[in-house]
Amino acid sequence: MAASEVDGDLTILRGAPQEDDAHYRIIFDTAVEAIVVFDEAGAIRTFNPAAERLFGYGGEEMAGRNLRDLMAPPYRDAQVRGPQEDQAAGVRRILGAGQAMAGQRKNGSTFTLELSMAEWRRDGERFFTGVMRDVTDDVRVRDLQRLMVNELNHRVKNTLATVQAIVSQTLRDAESPQTAQKDLIKRLVALAAAHDILTRESWEGAQVAELVAAALETHGVRRAATVSGPDIRLAPKPAVALALALHELMTNAAKFGALSVAGGVNISWEASPATGLVLTWREQGGPAVEPPTRRGFGLRMIEALAADLGGRVELSFEPEGLVCVIHAELGAGVAAS
């Protein structure tokens, strides 16, 4: 083919039947996707209205310009002709059908461009038809989905590890299968309550006050407790550990401590850059308590909490009941709100 004519937005190739030209014009003009036809040197021959809307250029404005003018670096700066390849091969190398690349609009803004490209010949001349669309939002959604799946996998693994530890320790310490079943169910309920709080907060963290309130509600001892403390937010892992530790403290108090009689418990916490988080559990009005002869699950769980928070635990067996003080670093998943 010797030449071509530009008629409005559509380049009409000489020698094509007139009815075919009209048919192709309708397709080009009404297509939702941007369609660009270019030759083996990358010179644009067709630029449909959808391409005008996508890139911000007029059809006549782009006729004869190089396809690289629609690309952002590094695609714009790539050489079409390589040392050992013809121009058509260079176009395929740069654009690669089905690949996502960086497109650039007339106003300079960039976006993620997806191109499907077909190669064809006419009268001995080689052409390419590129169907293009903006997939910036699609890529963002896919990246977000991938991130969410990875985060979900991470949380599931952590949860299963926690459940495994709970089951293992419960069975090891149980006096009988019936006792193990009862204790295991209660601990899993406590774990589920902590997860409910984290789910409401999109797993970004949980307030200490919420965790304390949930533990008191689960054990039905809200009226027997006094609670005070500022807004302190825990990351998911230490939040779960604190919820389980509170469950063990309340279970122990209900069996042997102040909550087994007409006593009560005081739960308070404070935080500062100097001292970090300090949470105090103080039983009052309970029977006399003595240090345990062995370290049970509850004590091990509280010590695990301290490890998760980068702190330590102090236990005092006072005449009126157990006093447990948990120290944690503010930087270890803890933040003052």
C-alpha atoms as a PDB file:
ATOM      1  CA  MET A   1       0.000   0.000   0.000  1.00  0.00           C
ATOM      2  CA  ALA A   2       1.467   3.306  -1.054  1.00  0.00           C
ATOM      3  CA  ALA A   3      -0.367   5.807   1.133  1.00  0.00           C
ATOM      4  CA  SER A   4      -3.213   6.476   3.510  1.00  0.00           C
ATOM      5  CA  GLU A   5      -5.605   9.317   4.138  1.00  0.00           C
ATOM      6  CA  VAL A   6      -6.746  10.740   7.462  1.00  0.00           C
ATOM      7  CA  ASP A   7     -10.523  11.271   7.462  1.00  0.00           C
ATOM      8  CA  GLY A   8     -11.612  12.694  10.779  1.00  0.00           C
ATOM      9  CA  ASP A   9     -10.701  10.305  13.584  1.00  0.00           C
ATOM     10  CA  LEU A  10     -10.241   7.261  11.364  1.00  0.00           C
ATOM     11  CA  THR A  11      -7.410   6.537   8.958  1.00  0.00           C
ATOM     12  CA  ILE A  12      -8.887   4.962   5.802  1.00  0.00           C
ATOM     13  CA  LEU A  13      -6.516   2.674   3.968  1.00  0.00           C
ATOM     14  CA  ARG A  14      -6.682   3.115   0.226  1.00  0.00           C
ATOM     15  CA  GLY A  15      -7.844   0.094  -1.697  1.00  0.00           C
ATOM     16  CA  ALA A  16     -10.374  -1.028   0.958  1.00  0.00           C
ATOM     17  CA  PRO A  17     -13.991  -1.322  -0.185  1.00  0.00           C
ATOM     18  CA  GLN A  18     -16.050   1.705   0.762  1.00  0.00           C
ATOM     19  CA  GLU A  19     -18.658  -0.366   2.616  1.00  0.00           C
ATOM     20  CA  ASP A  20     -15.904  -1.912   4.764  1.00  0.00           C
ATOM     21  CA  ASP A  21     -14.662   1.568   5.646  1.00  0.00           C
ATOM     22  CA  ALA A  22     -18.132   2.556   6.866  1.00  0.00           C
ATOM     23  CA  HIS A  23     -18.452  -0.660   8.837  1.00  0.00           C
ATOM     24  CA  TYR A  24     -15.104  -0.205  10.529  1.00  0.00           C
ATOM     25  CA  ARG A  25     -15.867   3.439  11.269  1.00  0.00           C
ATOM     26  CA  ILE A  26     -18.982   2.422  13.222  1.00  0.00           C
ATOM     27  CA  ILE A  27     -16.993  -0.126  15.211  1.00  0.00           C
ATOM     28  CA  PHE A  28     -14.201   2.332  15.955  1.00  0.00           C
ATOM     29  CA  ASP A  29     -16.499   5.202  16.849  1.00  0.00           C
ATOM     30  CA  THR A  30     -18.745   3.212  19.205  1.00  0.00           C
ATOM     31  CA  ALA A  31     -16.147   0.976  20.883  1.00  0.00           C
ATOM     32  CA  VAL A  32     -15.940   1.378  24.660  1.00  0.00           C
ATOM     33  CA  GLU A  33     -12.252   0.486  24.729  1.00  0.00           C
ATOM     34  CA  ALA A  34      -9.558   2.689  23.249  1.00  0.00           C
ATOM     35  CA  ILE A  35      -8.413   1.376  19.853  1.00  0.00           C
ATOM     36  CA  VAL A  36      -5.185   2.533  18.241  1.00  0.00           C
ATOM     37  CA  VAL A  37      -3.807   1.258  14.934  1.00  0.00           C
ATOM     38  CA  PHE A  38      -0.107   1.864  14.268  1.00  0.00           C
ATOM     39  CA  ASP A  39       2.507   0.698  11.793  1.00  0.00           C
ATOM     40  CA  GLU A  40       5.689  -1.249  12.419  1.00  0.00           C
ATOM     41  CA  ALA A  41       7.607   1.921  13.237  1.00  0.00           C
ATOM     42  CA  GLY A  42       5.050   2.815  15.913  1.00  0.00           C
ATOM     43  CA  ALA A  43       3.451   5.657  13.867  1.00  0.00           C
ATOM     44  CA  ILE A  44      -0.222   6.013  14.822  1.00  0.00           C
ATOM     45  CA  ARG A  45      -2.689   5.519  11.941  1.00  0.00           C
ATOM     46  CA  THR A  46      -6.008   5.236  13.819  1.00  0.00           C
ATOM     47  CA  PHE A  47      -7.139   6.857  17.057  1.00  0.00           C
ATOM     48  CA  ASN A  48     -10.780   6.250  17.991  1.00  0.00           C
ATOM     49  CA  PRO A  49     -13.011   8.455  20.223  1.00  0.00           C
ATOM     50  CA  ALA A  50     -12.497   6.155  23.232  1.00  0.00           C
ATOM     51  CA  ALA A  51      -8.746   6.664  22.852  1.00  0.00           C
ATOM     52  CA  GLU A  52      -9.331  10.424  22.766  1.00  0.00           C
ATOM     53  CA  ARG A  53     -11.200  10.183  26.067  1.00  0.00           C
ATOM     54  CA  LEU A  54      -8.546   7.948  27.614  1.00  0.00           C
ATOM     55  CA  PHE A  55      -5.479   9.961  26.603  1.00  0.00           C
ATOM     56  CA  GLY A  56      -6.880  13.453  26.138  1.00  0.00           C
ATOM     57  CA  TYR A  57      -5.579  13.873  22.552  1.00  0.00           C
ATOM     58  CA  GLY A  58      -7.690  14.454  19.459  1.00  0.00           C
ATOM     59  CA  GLY A  59      -7.596  11.939  16.623  1.00  0.00           C
ATOM     60  CA  GLU A  60      -6.135  14.373  14.082  1.00  0.00           C
ATOM     61  CA  GLU A  61      -3.655  15.550  16.707  1.00  0.00           C
ATOM     62  CA  MET A  62      -2.241  12.029  17.096  1.00  0.00           C
ATOM     63  CA  ALA A  63      -2.204  10.967  13.431  1.00  0.00           C
ATOM     64  CA  GLY A  64       1.383  10.196  12.484  1.00  0.00           C
ATOM     65  CA  ARG A  65       2.788  10.598  15.980  1.00  0.00           C
ATOM     66  CA  ASN A  66       4.636   7.720  17.588  1.00  0.00           C
ATOM     67  CA  LEU A  67       2.884   5.341  19.926  1.00  0.00           C
ATOM     68  CA  ARG A  68       5.541   6.018  22.543  1.00  0.00           C
ATOM     69  CA  ASP A  69       3.988   9.470  23.033  1.00  0.00           C
ATOM     70  CA  LEU A  70       1.186   7.685  24.883  1.00  0.00           C
ATOM     71  CA  MET A  71       3.574   5.926  27.228  1.00  0.00           C
ATOM     72  CA  ALA A  72       5.201   7.082  30.425  1.00  0.00           C
ATOM     73  CA  PRO A  73       8.886   6.362  31.119  1.00  0.00           C
ATOM     74  CA  PRO A  74      10.531   3.904  30.809  1.00  0.00           C
ATOM     75  CA  TYR A  75       8.292   2.788  27.923  1.00  0.00           C
ATOM     76  CA  ARG A  76       8.395   6.212  26.275  1.00  0.00           C
ATOM     77  CA  ASP A  77      12.197   6.131  26.177  1.00  0.00           C
ATOM     78  CA  ALA A  78      12.539   2.548  24.869  1.00  0.00           C
ATOM     79  CA  GLN A  79      14.038   2.083  21.425  1.00  0.00           C
ATOM     80  CA  VAL A  80      11.786   0.434  18.856  1.00  0.00           C
ATOM     81  CA  ARG A  81      14.664  -0.896  16.782  1.00  0.00           C
ATOM     82  CA  GLY A  82      17.193  -3.172  18.467  1.00  0.00           C
ATOM     83  CA  PRO A  83      20.588  -4.116  17.064  1.00  0.00           C
ATOM     84  CA  GLN A  84      19.436  -7.497  15.731  1.00  0.00           C
ATOM     85  CA  GLU A  85      15.687  -7.058  15.246  1.00  0.00           C
ATOM     86  CA  ASP A  86      13.308  -5.389  12.828  1.00  0.00           C
ATOM     87  CA  GLN A  87      10.950  -2.635  13.848  1.00  0.00           C
ATOM     88  CA  ALA A  88       7.911  -4.899  14.250  1.00  0.00           C
ATOM     89  CA  ALA A  89       9.813  -7.139  16.649  1.00  0.00           C
ATOM     90  CA  GLY A  90      10.833  -4.028  18.561  1.00  0.00           C
ATOM     91  CA  VAL A  91       7.221  -2.940  18.904  1.00  0.00           C
ATOM     92  CA  ARG A  92       6.287  -6.373  20.232  1.00  0.00           C
ATOM     93  CA  ARG A  93       9.183  -6.274  22.664  1.00  0.00           C
ATOM     94  CA  ILE A  94       8.205  -2.898  24.072  1.00  0.00           C
ATOM     95  CA  LEU A  95       4.463  -3.430  24.243  1.00  0.00           C
ATOM     96  CA  GLY A  96       3.986  -7.179  24.630  1.00  0.00           C
ATOM     97  CA  ALA A  97       0.305  -8.086  24.182  1.00  0.00           C
ATOM     98  CA  GLY A  98      -1.614  -8.406  27.431  1.00  0.00           C
ATOM     99  CA  GLN A  99       1.003  -6.656  29.538  1.00  0.00           C
ATOM    100  CA  ALA A 100       0.334  -3.800  31.923  1.00  0.00           C
ATOM    101  CA  MET A 101       2.449  -0.696  31.509  1.00  0.00           C
ATOM    102  CA  ALA A 102       2.474   2.968  32.426  1.00  0.00           C
ATOM    103  CA  GLY A 103       0.381   5.171  30.160  1.00  0.00           C
ATOM    104  CA  GLN A 104       0.524   8.959  30.111  1.00  0.00           C
ATOM    105  CA  ARG A 105      -2.239  11.397  29.237  1.00  0.00           C
ATOM    106  CA  LYS A 106      -1.858  14.703  27.466  1.00  0.00           C
ATOM    107  CA  ASN A 107      -2.038  16.543  30.791  1.00  0.00           C
ATOM    108  CA  GLY A 108       0.951  14.539  32.060  1.00  0.00           C
ATOM    109  CA  SER A 109      -0.941  12.294  34.468  1.00  0.00           C
ATOM    110  CA  THR A 110       0.013   8.625  34.413  1.00  0.00           C
ATOM    111  CA  PHE A 111      -2.052   5.488  34.869  1.00  0.00           C
ATOM    112  CA  THR A 112      -1.765   1.721  34.553  1.00  0.00           C
ATOM    113  CA  LEU A 113      -2.472   0.783  30.946  1.00  0.00           C
ATOM    114  CA  GLU A 114      -3.361  -2.685  29.744  1.00  0.00           C
ATOM    115  CA  LEU A 115      -2.827  -3.408  26.054  1.00  0.00           C
ATOM    116  CA  SER A 116      -4.020  -6.298  23.915  1.00  0.00           C
ATOM    117  CA  MET A 117      -2.254  -6.191  20.566  1.00  0.00           C
ATOM    118  CA  ALA A 118      -2.859  -7.965  17.240  1.00  0.00           C
ATOM    119  CA  GLU A 119      -0.510  -7.905  14.261  1.00  0.00           C
ATOM    120  CA  TRP A 120      -1.786  -7.933  10.660  1.00  0.00           C
ATOM    121  CA  ARG A 121      -0.684  -7.115   7.106  1.00  0.00           C
ATOM    122  CA  ARG A 122      -2.207  -5.255   4.203  1.00  0.00           C
ATOM    123  CA  ASP A 123      -0.706  -4.768   0.779  1.00  0.00           C
ATOM    124  CA  GLY A 124       2.656  -5.938   2.103  1.00  0.00           C
ATOM    125  CA  GLU A 125       2.683  -3.426   4.971  1.00  0.00           C
ATOM    126  CA  ARG A 126       2.625  -4.545   8.587  1.00  0.00           C
ATOM    127  CA  PHE A 127       0.236  -2.998  11.151  1.00  0.00           C
ATOM    128  CA  PHE A 128      -0.717  -3.475  14.759  1.00  0.00           C
ATOM    129  CA  THR A 129      -4.113  -2.953  16.393  1.00  0.00           C
ATOM    130  CA  GLY A 130      -3.921  -2.164  20.072  1.00  0.00           C
ATOM    131  CA  VAL A 131      -6.957  -2.292  22.377  1.00  0.00           C
ATOM    132  CA  MET A 132      -6.179  -0.287  25.504  1.00  0.00           C
ATOM    133  CA  ARG A 133      -7.870   0.391  28.794  1.00  0.00           C
ATOM    134  CA  ASP A 134      -7.137   2.031  32.119  1.00  0.00           C
ATOM    135  CA  VAL A 135      -6.734  -0.732  34.718  1.00  0.00           C
ATOM    136  CA  THR A 136      -5.435   1.427  37.564  1.00  0.00           C
ATOM    137  CA  ASP A 137      -8.431   0.651  39.765  1.00  0.00           C
ATOM    138  CA  ASP A 138      -8.351  -3.027  38.823  1.00  0.00           C
ATOM    139  CA  VAL A 139      -4.684  -3.305  39.780  1.00  0.00           C
ATOM    140  CA  ARG A 140      -5.349  -1.486  43.056  1.00  0.00           C
ATOM    141  CA  VAL A 141      -8.203  -3.872  43.870  1.00  0.00           C
ATOM    142  CA  ARG A 142      -6.093  -6.920  43.011  1.00  0.00           C
ATOM    143  CA  ASP A 143      -3.247  -5.647  45.186  1.00  0.00           C
ATOM    144  CA  LEU A 144      -5.677  -5.026  48.043  1.00  0.00           C
ATOM    145  CA  GLN A 145      -7.172  -8.502  47.661  1.00  0.00           C
ATOM    146  CA  ARG A 146      -3.710 -10.041  47.679  1.00  0.00           C
ATOM    147  CA  LEU A 147      -2.824  -8.062  50.799  1.00  0.00           C
ATOM    148  CA  MET A 148      -6.048  -9.122  52.505  1.00  0.00           C
ATOM    149  CA  VAL A 149      -5.513 -12.800  51.671  1.00  0.00           C
ATOM    150  CA  ASN A 150      -1.951 -12.664  52.999  1.00  0.00           C
ATOM    151  CA  GLU A 151      -3.129 -10.923  56.157  1.00  0.00           C
ATOM    152  CA  LEU A 152      -5.936 -13.458  56.582  1.00  0.00           C
ATOM    153  CA  ASN A 153      -3.478 -16.328  56.224  1.00  0.00           C
ATOM    154  CA  HIS A 154      -1.249 -14.719  58.833  1.00  0.00           C
ATOM    155  CA  ARG A 155      -4.128 -14.253  61.275  1.00  0.00           C
ATOM    156  CA  VAL A 156      -5.414 -17.779  60.764  1.00  0.00           C
ATOM    157  CA  LYS A 157      -1.961 -19.223  61.456  1.00  0.00           C
ATOM    158  CA  ASN A 158      -1.633 -17.102  64.612  1.00  0.00           C
ATOM    159  CA  THR A 159      -5.105 -18.116  65.775  1.00  0.00           C
ATOM    160  CA  LEU A 160      -4.447 -21.794  65.158  1.00  0.00           C
ATOM    161  CA  ALA A 161      -1.171 -21.529  67.056  1.00  0.00           C
ATOM    162  CA  THR A 162      -3.014 -19.927  69.978  1.00  0.00           C
ATOM    163  CA  VAL A 163      -5.731 -22.589  69.929  1.00  0.00           C
ATOM    164  CA  GLN A 164      -3.092 -25.313  69.778  1.00  0.00           C
ATOM    165  CA  ALA A 165      -1.341 -23.870  72.837  1.00  0.00           C
ATOM    166  CA  ILE A 166      -4.629 -23.554  74.727  1.00  0.00           C
ATOM    167  CA  VAL A 167      -5.633 -27.138  73.950  1.00  0.00           C
ATOM    168  CA  SER A 168      -2.199 -28.525  74.805  1.00  0.00           C
ATOM    169  CA  GLN A 169      -1.932 -26.698  78.118  1.00  0.00           C
ATOM    170  CA  THR A 170      -5.535 -27.416  79.076  1.00  0.00           C
ATOM    171  CA  LEU A 171      -5.163 -31.138  78.521  1.00  0.00           C
ATOM    172  CA  ARG A 172      -1.859 -31.189  80.363  1.00  0.00           C
ATOM    173  CA  ASP A 173      -3.264 -29.482  83.457  1.00  0.00           C
ATOM    174  CA  ALA A 174      -6.737 -31.078  83.513  1.00  0.00           C
ATOM    175  CA  GLU A 175      -7.778 -33.302  86.405  1.00  0.00           C
ATOM    176  CA  SER A 176     -10.252 -35.214  84.213  1.00  0.00           C
ATOM    177  CA  PRO A 177     -11.617 -35.220  80.657  1.00  0.00           C
ATOM    178  CA  GLN A 178     -14.774 -33.503  81.879  1.00  0.00           C
ATOM    179  CA  THR A 179     -12.775 -30.723  83.510  1.00  0.00           C
ATOM    180  CA  ALA A 180     -10.630 -30.364  80.399  1.00  0.00           C
ATOM    181  CA  GLN A 181     -13.708 -30.023  78.207  1.00  0.00           C
ATOM    182  CA  LYS A 182     -15.242 -27.360  80.455  1.00  0.00           C
ATOM    183  CA  ASP A 183     -12.015 -25.339  80.769  1.00  0.00           C
ATOM    184  CA  LEU A 184     -11.265 -25.609  77.062  1.00  0.00           C
ATOM    185  CA  ILE A 185     -14.696 -24.303  76.064  1.00  0.00           C
ATOM    186  CA  LYS A 186     -14.379 -21.331  78.428  1.00  0.00           C
ATOM    187  CA  ARG A 187     -10.940 -20.436  77.107  1.00  0.00           C
ATOM    188  CA  LEU A 188     -12.090 -20.648  73.509  1.00  0.00           C
ATOM    189  CA  VAL A 189     -15.059 -18.419  74.370  1.00  0.00           C
ATOM    190  CA  ALA A 190     -12.623 -15.882  75.826  1.00  0.00           C
ATOM    191  CA  LEU A 191     -10.533 -16.085  72.671  1.00  0.00           C
ATOM    192  CA  ALA A 192     -13.637 -15.605  70.503  1.00  0.00           C
ATOM    193  CA  ALA A 193     -14.677 -12.556  72.532  1.00  0.00           C
ATOM    194  CA  ALA A 194     -11.278 -10.944  71.913  1.00  0.00           C
ATOM    195  CA  HIS A 195     -11.606 -11.706  68.198  1.00  0.00           C
ATOM    196  CA  ASP A 196     -15.055 -10.121  68.149  1.00  0.00           C
ATOM    197  CA  ILE A 197     -13.594  -6.884  69.489  1.00  0.00           C
ATOM    198  CA  LEU A 198     -10.756  -6.949  66.973  1.00  0.00           C
ATOM    199  CA  THR A 199     -13.176  -7.665  64.130  1.00  0.00           C
ATOM    200  CA  ARG A 200     -15.274  -4.625  65.050  1.00  0.00           C
ATOM    201  CA  GLU A 201     -12.077  -2.570  64.917  1.00  0.00           C
ATOM    202  CA  SER A 202     -11.035  -4.066  61.541  1.00  0.00           C
ATOM    203  CA  TRP A 203      -8.186  -5.861  63.313  1.00  0.00           C
ATOM    204  CA  GLU A 204      -6.324  -2.608  63.831  1.00  0.00           C
ATOM    205  CA  GLY A 205      -6.261  -3.063  67.603  1.00  0.00           C
ATOM    206  CA  ALA A 206      -8.429  -3.002  70.725  1.00  0.00           C
ATOM    207  CA  GLN A 207      -8.899  -0.732  73.700  1.00  0.00           C
ATOM    208  CA  VAL A 208      -7.875  -2.135  77.095  1.00  0.00           C
ATOM    209  CA  ALA A 209     -11.231  -0.976  78.477  1.00  0.00           C
ATOM    210  CA  GLU A 210     -13.098  -3.033  75.868  1.00  0.00           C
ATOM    211  CA  LEU A 211     -11.095  -6.155  76.660  1.00  0.00           C
ATOM    212  CA  VAL A 212     -11.687  -5.751  80.396  1.00  0.00           C
ATOM    213  CA  ALA A 213     -15.421  -5.140  79.883  1.00  0.00           C
ATOM    214  CA  ALA A 214     -15.754  -8.198  77.640  1.00  0.00           C
ATOM    215  CA  ALA A 215     -13.993 -10.414  80.186  1.00  0.00           C
ATOM    216  CA  LEU A 216     -16.206  -9.157  83.020  1.00  0.00           C
ATOM    217  CA  GLU A 217     -19.332  -9.665  80.914  1.00  0.00           C
ATOM    218  CA  THR A 218     -18.335 -13.199  79.904  1.00  0.00           C
ATOM    219  CA  HIS A 219     -17.783 -14.183  83.546  1.00  0.00           C
ATOM    220  CA  GLY A 220     -20.867 -12.303  84.773  1.00  0.00           C
ATOM    221  CA  VAL A 221     -18.933 -10.363  87.433  1.00  0.00           C
ATOM    222  CA  ARG A 222     -19.321  -6.794  86.203  1.00  0.00           C
ATOM    223  CA  ARG A 223     -20.984  -5.678  89.433  1.00  0.00           C
ATOM    224  CA  ALA A 224     -18.174  -7.142  91.526  1.00  0.00           C
ATOM    225  CA  ALA A 225     -15.481  -5.138  89.753  1.00  0.00           C
ATOM    226  CA  THR A 226     -14.315  -1.550  89.725  1.00  0.00           C
ATOM    227  CA  VAL A 227     -12.495  -0.464  86.593  1.00  0.00           C
ATOM    228  CA  SER A 228     -10.462   2.647  85.823  1.00  0.00           C
ATOM    229  CA  GLY A 229      -7.847   3.699  83.318  1.00  0.00           C
ATOM    230  CA  PRO A 230      -7.161   5.946  80.315  1.00  0.00           C
ATOM    231  CA  ASP A 231      -7.657   5.040  76.642  1.00  0.00           C
ATOM    232  CA  ILE A 232      -4.891   2.598  75.766  1.00  0.00           C
ATOM    233  CA  ARG A 233      -4.938   0.718  72.476  1.00  0.00           C
ATOM    234  CA  LEU A 234      -3.279  -2.670  72.002  1.00  0.00           C
ATOM    235  CA  ALA A 235      -2.203  -4.281  68.751  1.00  0.00           C
ATOM    236  CA  PRO A 236      -4.024  -7.541  67.872  1.00  0.00           C
ATOM    237  CA  LYS A 237      -1.485 -10.018  69.291  1.00  0.00           C
ATOM    238  CA  PRO A 238      -1.090  -8.457  72.758  1.00  0.00           C
ATOM    239  CA  ALA A 239      -4.855  -7.756  72.826  1.00  0.00           C
ATOM    240  CA  VAL A 240      -5.580 -11.478  72.478  1.00  0.00           C
ATOM    241  CA  ALA A 241      -2.959 -12.303  75.115  1.00  0.00           C
ATOM    242  CA  LEU A 242      -4.456  -9.784  77.557  1.00  0.00           C
ATOM    243  CA  ALA A 243      -7.967 -11.131  76.990  1.00  0.00           C
ATOM    244  CA  LEU A 244      -6.801 -14.666  77.792  1.00  0.00           C
ATOM    245  CA  ALA A 245      -4.829 -13.489  80.814  1.00  0.00           C
ATOM    246  CA  LEU A 246      -7.878 -11.664  82.192  1.00  0.00           C
ATOM    247  CA  HIS A 247      -9.910 -14.817  81.671  1.00  0.00           C
ATOM    248  CA  GLU A 248      -7.411 -16.824  83.703  1.00  0.00           C
ATOM    249  CA  LEU A 249      -7.323 -14.226  86.487  1.00  0.00           C
ATOM    250  CA  MET A 250     -11.121 -14.192  86.703  1.00  0.00           C
ATOM    251  CA  THR A 251     -11.357 -17.976  86.557  1.00  0.00           C
ATOM    252  CA  ASN A 252      -8.817 -18.285  89.364  1.00  0.00           C
ATOM    253  CA  ALA A 253     -10.605 -15.621  91.434  1.00  0.00           C
ATOM    254  CA  ALA A 254     -13.937 -17.407  90.943  1.00  0.00           C
ATOM    255  CA  LYS A 255     -12.481 -20.744  92.097  1.00  0.00           C
ATOM    256  CA  PHE A 256     -10.123 -19.720  94.874  1.00  0.00           C
ATOM    257  CA  GLY A 257     -10.069 -15.941  95.270  1.00  0.00           C
ATOM    258  CA  ALA A 258     -12.251 -12.929  95.921  1.00  0.00           C
ATOM    259  CA  LEU A 259     -14.907 -13.825  93.358  1.00  0.00           C
ATOM    260  CA  SER A 260     -15.537 -17.159  95.106  1.00  0.00           C
ATOM    261  CA  VAL A 261     -17.085 -15.244  98.022  1.00  0.00           C
ATOM    262  CA  ALA A 262     -18.737 -11.856  98.379  1.00  0.00           C
ATOM    263  CA  GLY A 263     -15.545 -10.053  97.459  1.00  0.00           C
ATOM    264  CA  GLY A 264     -14.564  -8.030  94.456  1.00  0.00           C
ATOM    265  CA  VAL A 265     -11.746  -7.044  92.176  1.00  0.00           C
ATOM    266  CA  ASN A 266     -10.232  -3.735  91.184  1.00  0.00           C
ATOM    267  CA  ILE A 267      -8.734  -3.428  87.695  1.00  0.00           C
ATOM    268  CA  SER A 268      -6.804  -0.300  86.854  1.00  0.00           C
ATOM    269  CA  TRP A 269      -4.190   0.740  84.363  1.00  0.00           C
ATOM    270  CA  GLU A 270      -2.085   3.718  83.449  1.00  0.00           C
ATOM    271  CA  ALA A 271       0.578   4.531  80.904  1.00  0.00           C
ATOM    272  CA  SER A 272       3.400   6.977  80.361  1.00  0.00           C
ATOM    273  CA  PRO A 273       6.578   7.066  78.250  1.00  0.00           C
ATOM    274  CA  ALA A 274       8.620   6.562  81.394  1.00  0.00           C
ATOM    275  CA  THR A 275       6.763   3.612  82.928  1.00  0.00           C
ATOM    276  CA  GLY A 276       5.026   2.121  79.909  1.00  0.00           C
ATOM    277  CA  LEU A 277       1.709   0.374  80.469  1.00  0.00           C
ATOM    278  CA  VAL A 278       1.009  -0.756  84.036  1.00  0.00           C
ATOM    279  CA  LEU A 279      -2.146  -2.821  84.584  1.00  0.00           C
ATOM    280  CA  THR A 280      -3.028  -3.826  88.139  1.00  0.00           C
ATOM    281  CA  TRP A 281      -5.432  -6.594  89.121  1.00  0.00           C
ATOM    282  CA  ARG A 282      -6.256  -6.397  92.850  1.00  0.00           C
ATOM    283  CA  GLU A 283      -8.616  -8.768  94.617  1.00  0.00           C
ATOM    284  CA  GLN A 284     -10.397  -7.528  97.750  1.00  0.00           C
ATOM    285  CA  GLY A 285     -12.475  -9.191 100.432  1.00  0.00           C
ATOM    286  CA  GLY A 286     -11.501 -12.697  99.459  1.00  0.00           C
ATOM    287  CA  PRO A 287     -10.142 -15.625 101.430  1.00  0.00           C
ATOM    288  CA  ALA A 288      -6.512 -15.820 102.394  1.00  0.00           C
ATOM    289  CA  VAL A 289      -4.401 -16.986  99.498  1.00  0.00           C
ATOM    290  CA  GLU A 290      -1.033 -18.672  99.311  1.00  0.00           C
ATOM    291  CA  PRO A 291       1.522 -18.991  96.522  1.00  0.00           C
ATOM    292  CA  PRO A 292       0.723 -22.022  94.341  1.00  0.00           C
ATOM    293  CA  THR A 293       2.875 -25.100  94.587  1.00  0.00           C
ATOM    294  CA  ARG A 294       3.051 -25.376  90.767  1.00  0.00           C
ATOM    295  CA  ARG A 295       2.770 -23.048  87.804  1.00  0.00           C
ATOM    296  CA  GLY A 296      -0.614 -23.631  86.200  1.00  0.00           C
ATOM    297  CA  PHE A 297      -1.930 -22.598  82.820  1.00  0.00           C
ATOM    298  CA  GLY A 298      -3.123 -19.221  84.084  1.00  0.00           C
ATOM    299  CA  LEU A 299       0.269 -18.176  85.371  1.00  0.00           C
ATOM    300  CA  ARG A 300       1.954 -19.345  82.194  1.00  0.00           C
ATOM    301  CA  MET A 301      -0.582 -17.403  80.108  1.00  0.00           C
ATOM    302  CA  ILE A 302       0.068 -14.231  82.111  1.00  0.00           C
ATOM    303  CA  GLU A 303       3.801 -14.676  81.666  1.00  0.00           C
ATOM    304  CA  ALA A 304       3.246 -15.173  77.930  1.00  0.00           C
ATOM    305  CA  LEU A 305       1.338 -11.905  77.876  1.00  0.00           C
ATOM    306  CA  ALA A 306       4.294 -10.148  79.427  1.00  0.00           C
ATOM    307  CA  ALA A 307       6.559 -11.610  76.754  1.00  0.00           C
ATOM    308  CA  ASP A 308       4.217 -10.426  73.981  1.00  0.00           C
ATOM    309  CA  LEU A 309       4.200  -6.936  75.466  1.00  0.00           C
ATOM    310  CA  GLY A 310       7.925  -6.844  76.126  1.00  0.00           C
ATOM    311  CA  GLY A 311       7.381  -6.466  79.869  1.00  0.00           C
ATOM    312  CA  ARG A 312       7.089  -8.437  83.095  1.00  0.00           C
ATOM    313  CA  VAL A 313       4.524  -9.704  85.616  1.00  0.00           C
ATOM    314  CA  GLU A 314       4.572  -9.262  89.408  1.00  0.00           C
ATOM    315  CA  LEU A 315       2.377 -11.515  91.574  1.00  0.00           C
ATOM    316  CA  SER A 316       1.712 -10.761  95.238  1.00  0.00           C
ATOM    317  CA  PHE A 317      -0.387 -13.019  97.472  1.00  0.00           C
ATOM    318  CA  GLU A 318      -1.797 -10.452  99.859  1.00  0.00           C
ATOM    319  CA  PRO A 319      -4.048 -11.244 102.880  1.00  0.00           C
ATOM    320  CA  GLU A 320      -7.127  -9.962 101.015  1.00  0.00           C
ATOM    321  CA  GLY A 321      -6.320 -11.657  97.753  1.00  0.00           C
ATOM    322  CA  LEU A 322      -4.098 -11.852  94.729  1.00  0.00           C
ATOM    323  CA  VAL A 323      -2.460  -8.753  93.285  1.00  0.00           C
ATOM    324  CA  CYS A 324      -1.147  -9.048  89.721  1.00  0.00           C
ATOM    325  CA  VAL A 325       0.758  -6.158  88.149  1.00  0.00           C
ATOM    326  CA  ILE A 326       1.558  -6.337  84.443  1.00  0.00           C
ATOM    327  CA  HIS A 327       4.238  -4.036  83.056  1.00  0.00           C
ATOM    328  CA  ALA A 328       4.525  -3.518  79.305  1.00  0.00           C
ATOM    329  CA  GLU A 329       6.528  -1.295  77.009  1.00  0.00           C
ATOM    330  CA  LEU A 330       4.518   1.290  75.095  1.00  0.00           C
ATOM    331  CA  GLY A 331       6.380   0.433  71.915  1.00  0.00           C
ATOM    332  CA  ALA A 332       5.434  -3.260  72.020  1.00  0.00           C
ATOM    333  CA  GLY A 333       2.030  -3.078  70.346  1.00  0.00           C
ATOM    334  CA  VAL A 334       0.735  -0.560  72.895  1.00  0.00           C
ATOM    335  CA  ALA A 335      -0.280   3.023  72.221  1.00  0.00           C
ATOM    336  CA  ALA A 336      -1.864   5.726  74.299  1.00  0.00           C
ATOM    337  CA  SER A 337      -4.934   7.111  72.501  1.00  0.00           C
END
